[in-house]
Amino acid sequence: MLGKLLRKLDKLVTHIEEWTLFTIVIAALISLFANVVLRYGFNYTLAWSEELVRIVIIYSTFVGASVAVKQRAMIRIDAVVQIFPRLKSGLTFYTNLLMLLFGGIMVYYGYKMTHLQYLTHQKTIIMQIPLVIVYAIMPVTGGMVFLRTVQVMIQDFKSGFGSGEDDVPGPDRNSNGGTNHEPDIKTEG
């Protein structure tokens, strides 16, 4: 029952992430294209286009962080794991704990900043969008990062990641032990 609920929640959040990213990036591309055509073709500039693109960059960065956690694509320095492969499971768990902390901090401080914008009724300069809408992405994404990190930790636990089996390829390794960016070619010999 709980697994079914979590799968449905995962599908819903994934759907929201994908469509949010798709919609805002397409909106930014259309506005930038129109601005370039108007600037060079008609010597006229859309003032709101740059402000829209700035907001889109903010939103895509935060929503992209949640997607990156789900796909295990967060930037990592894995020199210690390369030198001491037995530390992989412990360091992965520690990294996940830090991501949970980061998600919690984003929720807490994002809420405080969003609440401040709500109280002051500030708006963007050109488009007059309430800044509470722009700042609201922080606590929402913090919650999504937290949720995705818990999801990754559950997947690691179910796959026996913490069982000490270091010869099992992790999510970022292929069966040859190389990264997924390298072809998985088995040599005979």
C-alpha atoms as a PDB file:
ATOM      1  CA  MET A   1       0.000   0.000   0.000  1.00  0.00           C
ATOM      2  CA  LEU A   2       2.727   2.460   0.986  1.00  0.00           C
ATOM      3  CA  GLY A   3       4.842   1.470  -2.016  1.00  0.00           C
ATOM      4  CA  LYS A   4       1.920   2.066  -4.366  1.00  0.00           C
ATOM      5  CA  LEU A   5       1.308   5.487  -2.834  1.00  0.00           C
ATOM      6  CA  LEU A   6       4.993   6.401  -3.150  1.00  0.00           C
ATOM      7  CA  ARG A   7       5.041   5.326  -6.810  1.00  0.00           C
ATOM      8  CA  LYS A   8       2.009   7.511  -7.539  1.00  0.00           C
ATOM      9  CA  LEU A   9       3.601  10.415  -5.698  1.00  0.00           C
ATOM     10  CA  ASP A  10       6.814   9.874  -7.674  1.00  0.00           C
ATOM     11  CA  LYS A  11       4.913   9.915 -10.981  1.00  0.00           C
ATOM     12  CA  LEU A  12       3.064  13.087  -9.981  1.00  0.00           C
ATOM     13  CA  VAL A  13       6.202  14.943  -8.887  1.00  0.00           C
ATOM     14  CA  THR A  14       8.102  13.769 -11.982  1.00  0.00           C
ATOM     15  CA  HIS A  15       5.254  14.950 -14.205  1.00  0.00           C
ATOM     16  CA  ILE A  16       5.197  18.348 -12.493  1.00  0.00           C
ATOM     17  CA  GLU A  17       8.990  18.711 -12.756  1.00  0.00           C
ATOM     18  CA  GLU A  18       9.141  17.764 -16.422  1.00  0.00           C
ATOM     19  CA  TRP A  19       6.249  19.951 -17.537  1.00  0.00           C
ATOM     20  CA  THR A  20       7.393  22.894 -15.449  1.00  0.00           C
ATOM     21  CA  LEU A  21      10.862  22.748 -16.975  1.00  0.00           C
ATOM     22  CA  PHE A  22       9.490  22.252 -20.490  1.00  0.00           C
ATOM     23  CA  THR A  23       6.979  25.103 -20.235  1.00  0.00           C
ATOM     24  CA  ILE A  24       9.265  27.705 -18.722  1.00  0.00           C
ATOM     25  CA  VAL A  25      12.186  26.960 -21.038  1.00  0.00           C
ATOM     26  CA  ILE A  26       9.936  27.142 -24.129  1.00  0.00           C
ATOM     27  CA  ALA A  27       8.496  30.456 -22.855  1.00  0.00           C
ATOM     28  CA  ALA A  28      12.006  31.840 -22.386  1.00  0.00           C
ATOM     29  CA  LEU A  29      13.146  30.670 -25.820  1.00  0.00           C
ATOM     30  CA  ILE A  30      10.123  32.207 -27.551  1.00  0.00           C
ATOM     31  CA  SER A  31      10.542  35.528 -25.750  1.00  0.00           C
ATOM     32  CA  LEU A  32      14.284  35.617 -26.465  1.00  0.00           C
ATOM     33  CA  PHE A  33      13.717  34.751 -30.136  1.00  0.00           C
ATOM     34  CA  ALA A  34      11.054  37.460 -30.457  1.00  0.00           C
ATOM     35  CA  ASN A  35      13.345  39.959 -28.728  1.00  0.00           C
ATOM     36  CA  VAL A  36      16.234  39.185 -31.099  1.00  0.00           C
ATOM     37  CA  VAL A  37      14.006  39.478 -34.188  1.00  0.00           C
ATOM     38  CA  LEU A  38      12.534  42.763 -32.972  1.00  0.00           C
ATOM     39  CA  ARG A  39      15.904  44.162 -31.926  1.00  0.00           C
ATOM     40  CA  TYR A  40      17.742  43.438 -35.163  1.00  0.00           C
ATOM     41  CA  GLY A  41      14.805  43.525 -37.585  1.00  0.00           C
ATOM     42  CA  PHE A  42      12.831  46.481 -36.304  1.00  0.00           C
ATOM     43  CA  ASN A  43      15.223  48.239 -33.889  1.00  0.00           C
ATOM     44  CA  TYR A  44      12.777  47.670 -31.014  1.00  0.00           C
ATOM     45  CA  THR A  45      13.451  45.860 -27.725  1.00  0.00           C
ATOM     46  CA  LEU A  46      11.044  44.028 -25.436  1.00  0.00           C
ATOM     47  CA  ALA A  47      11.958  45.208 -21.955  1.00  0.00           C
ATOM     48  CA  TRP A  48      10.098  42.389 -20.206  1.00  0.00           C
ATOM     49  CA  SER A  49      11.910  39.628 -22.098  1.00  0.00           C
ATOM     50  CA  GLU A  50      15.105  39.834 -20.056  1.00  0.00           C
ATOM     51  CA  GLU A  51      13.177  39.879 -16.792  1.00  0.00           C
ATOM     52  CA  LEU A  52      11.208  36.815 -17.853  1.00  0.00           C
ATOM     53  CA  VAL A  53      14.390  34.960 -18.790  1.00  0.00           C
ATOM     54  CA  ARG A  54      15.942  35.823 -15.415  1.00  0.00           C
ATOM     55  CA  ILE A  55      12.915  34.341 -13.612  1.00  0.00           C
ATOM     56  CA  VAL A  56      13.008  31.260 -15.871  1.00  0.00           C
ATOM     57  CA  ILE A  57      16.687  30.708 -15.050  1.00  0.00           C
ATOM     58  CA  ILE A  58      15.876  30.875 -11.336  1.00  0.00           C
ATOM     59  CA  TYR A  59      12.996  28.413 -11.653  1.00  0.00           C
ATOM     60  CA  SER A  60      14.834  25.990 -13.934  1.00  0.00           C
ATOM     61  CA  THR A  61      17.835  25.949 -11.590  1.00  0.00           C
ATOM     62  CA  PHE A  62      15.756  25.073  -8.558  1.00  0.00           C
ATOM     63  CA  VAL A  63      13.472  22.553 -10.286  1.00  0.00           C
ATOM     64  CA  GLY A  64      16.528  21.072 -12.033  1.00  0.00           C
ATOM     65  CA  ALA A  65      18.099  20.435  -8.625  1.00  0.00           C
ATOM     66  CA  SER A  66      15.205  18.147  -7.724  1.00  0.00           C
ATOM     67  CA  VAL A  67      15.499  16.334 -11.055  1.00  0.00           C
ATOM     68  CA  ALA A  68      19.261  15.956 -10.547  1.00  0.00           C
ATOM     69  CA  VAL A  69      18.755  14.368  -7.124  1.00  0.00           C
ATOM     70  CA  LYS A  70      16.287  11.853  -8.580  1.00  0.00           C
ATOM     71  CA  GLN A  71      18.646  10.971 -11.436  1.00  0.00           C
ATOM     72  CA  ARG A  72      21.654  10.872  -9.093  1.00  0.00           C
ATOM     73  CA  ALA A  73      23.321  13.562 -11.175  1.00  0.00           C
ATOM     74  CA  MET A  74      24.384  15.931  -8.413  1.00  0.00           C
ATOM     75  CA  ILE A  75      27.954  17.125  -8.662  1.00  0.00           C
ATOM     76  CA  ARG A  76      30.251  15.020  -6.491  1.00  0.00           C
ATOM     77  CA  ILE A  77      33.931  14.853  -5.783  1.00  0.00           C
ATOM     78  CA  ASP A  78      34.625  11.143  -5.790  1.00  0.00           C
ATOM     79  CA  ALA A  79      38.409  11.089  -5.383  1.00  0.00           C
ATOM     80  CA  VAL A  80      38.126   9.481  -1.939  1.00  0.00           C
ATOM     81  CA  VAL A  81      35.791   6.793  -3.311  1.00  0.00           C
ATOM     82  CA  GLN A  82      38.231   6.111  -6.157  1.00  0.00           C
ATOM     83  CA  ILE A  83      41.079   5.638  -3.663  1.00  0.00           C
ATOM     84  CA  PHE A  84      39.038   3.785  -1.012  1.00  0.00           C
ATOM     85  CA  PRO A  85      36.134   1.990  -2.766  1.00  0.00           C
ATOM     86  CA  ARG A  86      34.951   0.417   0.490  1.00  0.00           C
ATOM     87  CA  LEU A  87      33.909   3.868   1.733  1.00  0.00           C
ATOM     88  CA  LYS A  88      31.399   4.300  -1.091  1.00  0.00           C
ATOM     89  CA  SER A  89      28.284   3.234   0.812  1.00  0.00           C
ATOM     90  CA  GLY A  90      29.172   5.277   3.901  1.00  0.00           C
ATOM     91  CA  LEU A  91      30.032   8.379   1.909  1.00  0.00           C
ATOM     92  CA  THR A  92      26.873   8.027  -0.178  1.00  0.00           C
ATOM     93  CA  PHE A  93      24.804   7.815   2.993  1.00  0.00           C
ATOM     94  CA  TYR A  94      26.605  10.864   4.409  1.00  0.00           C
ATOM     95  CA  THR A  95      26.022  12.765   1.158  1.00  0.00           C
ATOM     96  CA  ASN A  96      22.331  11.896   1.297  1.00  0.00           C
ATOM     97  CA  LEU A  97      22.129  13.149   4.885  1.00  0.00           C
ATOM     98  CA  LEU A  98      23.701  16.430   3.768  1.00  0.00           C
ATOM     99  CA  MET A  99      21.152  16.671   0.952  1.00  0.00           C
ATOM    100  CA  LEU A 100      18.342  16.155   3.473  1.00  0.00           C
ATOM    101  CA  LEU A 101      19.813  18.953   5.574  1.00  0.00           C
ATOM    102  CA  PHE A 102      20.125  21.168   2.496  1.00  0.00           C
ATOM    103  CA  GLY A 103      16.493  20.501   1.537  1.00  0.00           C
ATOM    104  CA  GLY A 104      15.376  21.349   5.072  1.00  0.00           C
ATOM    105  CA  ILE A 105      17.388  24.578   5.048  1.00  0.00           C
ATOM    106  CA  MET A 106      15.845  25.520   1.696  1.00  0.00           C
ATOM    107  CA  VAL A 107      12.358  24.951   3.096  1.00  0.00           C
ATOM    108  CA  TYR A 108      13.018  26.906   6.290  1.00  0.00           C
ATOM    109  CA  TYR A 109      14.838  29.920   4.869  1.00  0.00           C
ATOM    110  CA  GLY A 110      12.852  29.847   1.641  1.00  0.00           C
ATOM    111  CA  TYR A 111       9.670  30.107   3.670  1.00  0.00           C
ATOM    112  CA  LYS A 112      11.094  33.003   5.682  1.00  0.00           C
ATOM    113  CA  MET A 113      12.130  34.862   2.519  1.00  0.00           C
ATOM    114  CA  THR A 114       8.814  34.144   0.794  1.00  0.00           C
ATOM    115  CA  HIS A 115       6.887  35.307   3.850  1.00  0.00           C
ATOM    116  CA  LEU A 116       8.907  38.543   3.907  1.00  0.00           C
ATOM    117  CA  GLN A 117       8.037  39.171   0.247  1.00  0.00           C
ATOM    118  CA  TYR A 118       4.401  38.479   1.064  1.00  0.00           C
ATOM    119  CA  LEU A 119       4.448  41.061   3.856  1.00  0.00           C
ATOM    120  CA  THR A 120       6.220  43.749   1.807  1.00  0.00           C
ATOM    121  CA  HIS A 121       4.179  43.263  -1.402  1.00  0.00           C
ATOM    122  CA  GLN A 122       7.239  43.826  -3.606  1.00  0.00           C
ATOM    123  CA  LYS A 123       6.974  43.307  -7.360  1.00  0.00           C
ATOM    124  CA  THR A 124       9.391  42.931 -10.238  1.00  0.00           C
ATOM    125  CA  ILE A 125      10.276  46.195 -11.944  1.00  0.00           C
ATOM    126  CA  ILE A 126       8.969  45.679 -15.464  1.00  0.00           C
ATOM    127  CA  MET A 127       6.436  42.832 -15.424  1.00  0.00           C
ATOM    128  CA  GLN A 128       5.054  43.686 -11.959  1.00  0.00           C
ATOM    129  CA  ILE A 129       5.056  40.032 -10.914  1.00  0.00           C
ATOM    130  CA  PRO A 130       4.780  39.744  -7.119  1.00  0.00           C
ATOM    131  CA  LEU A 131       8.163  38.626  -5.789  1.00  0.00           C
ATOM    132  CA  VAL A 132       6.388  36.169  -3.515  1.00  0.00           C
ATOM    133  CA  ILE A 133       5.795  34.074  -6.663  1.00  0.00           C
ATOM    134  CA  VAL A 134       9.491  34.185  -7.558  1.00  0.00           C
ATOM    135  CA  TYR A 135      10.659  33.376  -4.025  1.00  0.00           C
ATOM    136  CA  ALA A 136       8.047  30.628  -3.490  1.00  0.00           C
ATOM    137  CA  ILE A 137      10.130  28.243  -5.602  1.00  0.00           C
ATOM    138  CA  MET A 138      12.694  27.933  -2.785  1.00  0.00           C
ATOM    139  CA  PRO A 139      10.591  26.184  -0.118  1.00  0.00           C
ATOM    140  CA  VAL A 140       8.731  24.142  -2.740  1.00  0.00           C
ATOM    141  CA  THR A 141      11.969  22.918  -4.299  1.00  0.00           C
ATOM    142  CA  GLY A 142      13.494  22.323  -0.876  1.00  0.00           C
ATOM    143  CA  GLY A 143      10.618  19.976  -0.150  1.00  0.00           C
ATOM    144  CA  MET A 144      11.069  18.283  -3.532  1.00  0.00           C
ATOM    145  CA  VAL A 145      14.831  17.845  -2.952  1.00  0.00           C
ATOM    146  CA  PHE A 146      14.082  16.380   0.482  1.00  0.00           C
ATOM    147  CA  LEU A 147      11.477  14.013  -0.994  1.00  0.00           C
ATOM    148  CA  ARG A 148      13.783  12.935  -3.837  1.00  0.00           C
ATOM    149  CA  THR A 149      16.672  12.330  -1.429  1.00  0.00           C
ATOM    150  CA  VAL A 150      14.486  10.118   0.764  1.00  0.00           C
ATOM    151  CA  GLN A 151      13.431   8.291  -2.395  1.00  0.00           C
ATOM    152  CA  VAL A 152      17.086   7.712  -3.390  1.00  0.00           C
ATOM    153  CA  MET A 153      17.942   6.515   0.119  1.00  0.00           C
ATOM    154  CA  ILE A 154      15.054   4.012   0.032  1.00  0.00           C
ATOM    155  CA  GLN A 155      16.233   2.742  -3.365  1.00  0.00           C
ATOM    156  CA  ASP A 156      19.763   2.347  -2.010  1.00  0.00           C
ATOM    157  CA  PHE A 157      18.492   0.473   1.033  1.00  0.00           C
ATOM    158  CA  LYS A 158      16.297  -1.850  -1.053  1.00  0.00           C
ATOM    159  CA  SER A 159      19.118  -2.631  -3.465  1.00  0.00           C
ATOM    160  CA  GLY A 160      21.384  -3.664  -0.595  1.00  0.00           C
ATOM    161  CA  PHE A 161      23.713  -0.730  -1.124  1.00  0.00           C
ATOM    162  CA  GLY A 162      24.619  -0.659   2.532  1.00  0.00           C
ATOM    163  CA  SER A 163      25.344  -4.399   2.696  1.00  0.00           C
ATOM    164  CA  GLY A 164      29.047  -3.972   1.985  1.00  0.00           C
ATOM    165  CA  GLU A 165      28.964  -5.511  -1.487  1.00  0.00           C
ATOM    166  CA  ASP A 166      31.387  -3.237  -3.295  1.00  0.00           C
ATOM    167  CA  ASP A 167      31.513  -5.299  -6.474  1.00  0.00           C
ATOM    168  CA  VAL A 168      27.897  -4.435  -7.339  1.00  0.00           C
ATOM    169  CA  PRO A 169      27.787  -1.562  -9.858  1.00  0.00           C
ATOM    170  CA  GLY A 170      26.199   1.531  -8.365  1.00  0.00           C
ATOM    171  CA  PRO A 171      23.736   3.802 -10.155  1.00  0.00           C
ATOM    172  CA  ASP A 172      26.588   5.745 -11.756  1.00  0.00           C
ATOM    173  CA  ARG A 173      28.596   2.693 -12.883  1.00  0.00           C
ATOM    174  CA  ASN A 174      28.136   0.165 -15.663  1.00  0.00           C
ATOM    175  CA  SER A 175      28.919  -3.529 -15.398  1.00  0.00           C
ATOM    176  CA  ASN A 176      32.590  -2.945 -16.293  1.00  0.00           C
ATOM    177  CA  GLY A 177      33.014  -0.562 -13.375  1.00  0.00           C
ATOM    178  CA  GLY A 178      33.262   2.470 -15.685  1.00  0.00           C
ATOM    179  CA  THR A 179      30.977   5.445 -15.731  1.00  0.00           C
ATOM    180  CA  ASN A 180      27.772   5.412 -17.737  1.00  0.00           C
ATOM    181  CA  HIS A 181      29.391   7.851 -20.152  1.00  0.00           C
ATOM    182  CA  GLU A 182      31.699   5.090 -21.370  1.00  0.00           C
ATOM    183  CA  PRO A 183      30.481   2.257 -23.596  1.00  0.00           C
ATOM    184  CA  ASP A 184      29.755  -0.995 -21.795  1.00  0.00           C
ATOM    185  CA  ILE A 185      32.027  -3.257 -23.853  1.00  0.00           C
ATOM    186  CA  LYS A 186      32.983  -6.663 -22.593  1.00  0.00           C
ATOM    187  CA  THR A 187      36.304  -7.972 -23.839  1.00  0.00           C
ATOM    188  CA  GLU A 188      37.075 -11.634 -24.166  1.00  0.00           C
ATOM    189  CA  GLY A 189      40.318 -12.897 -22.779  1.00  0.00           C
END
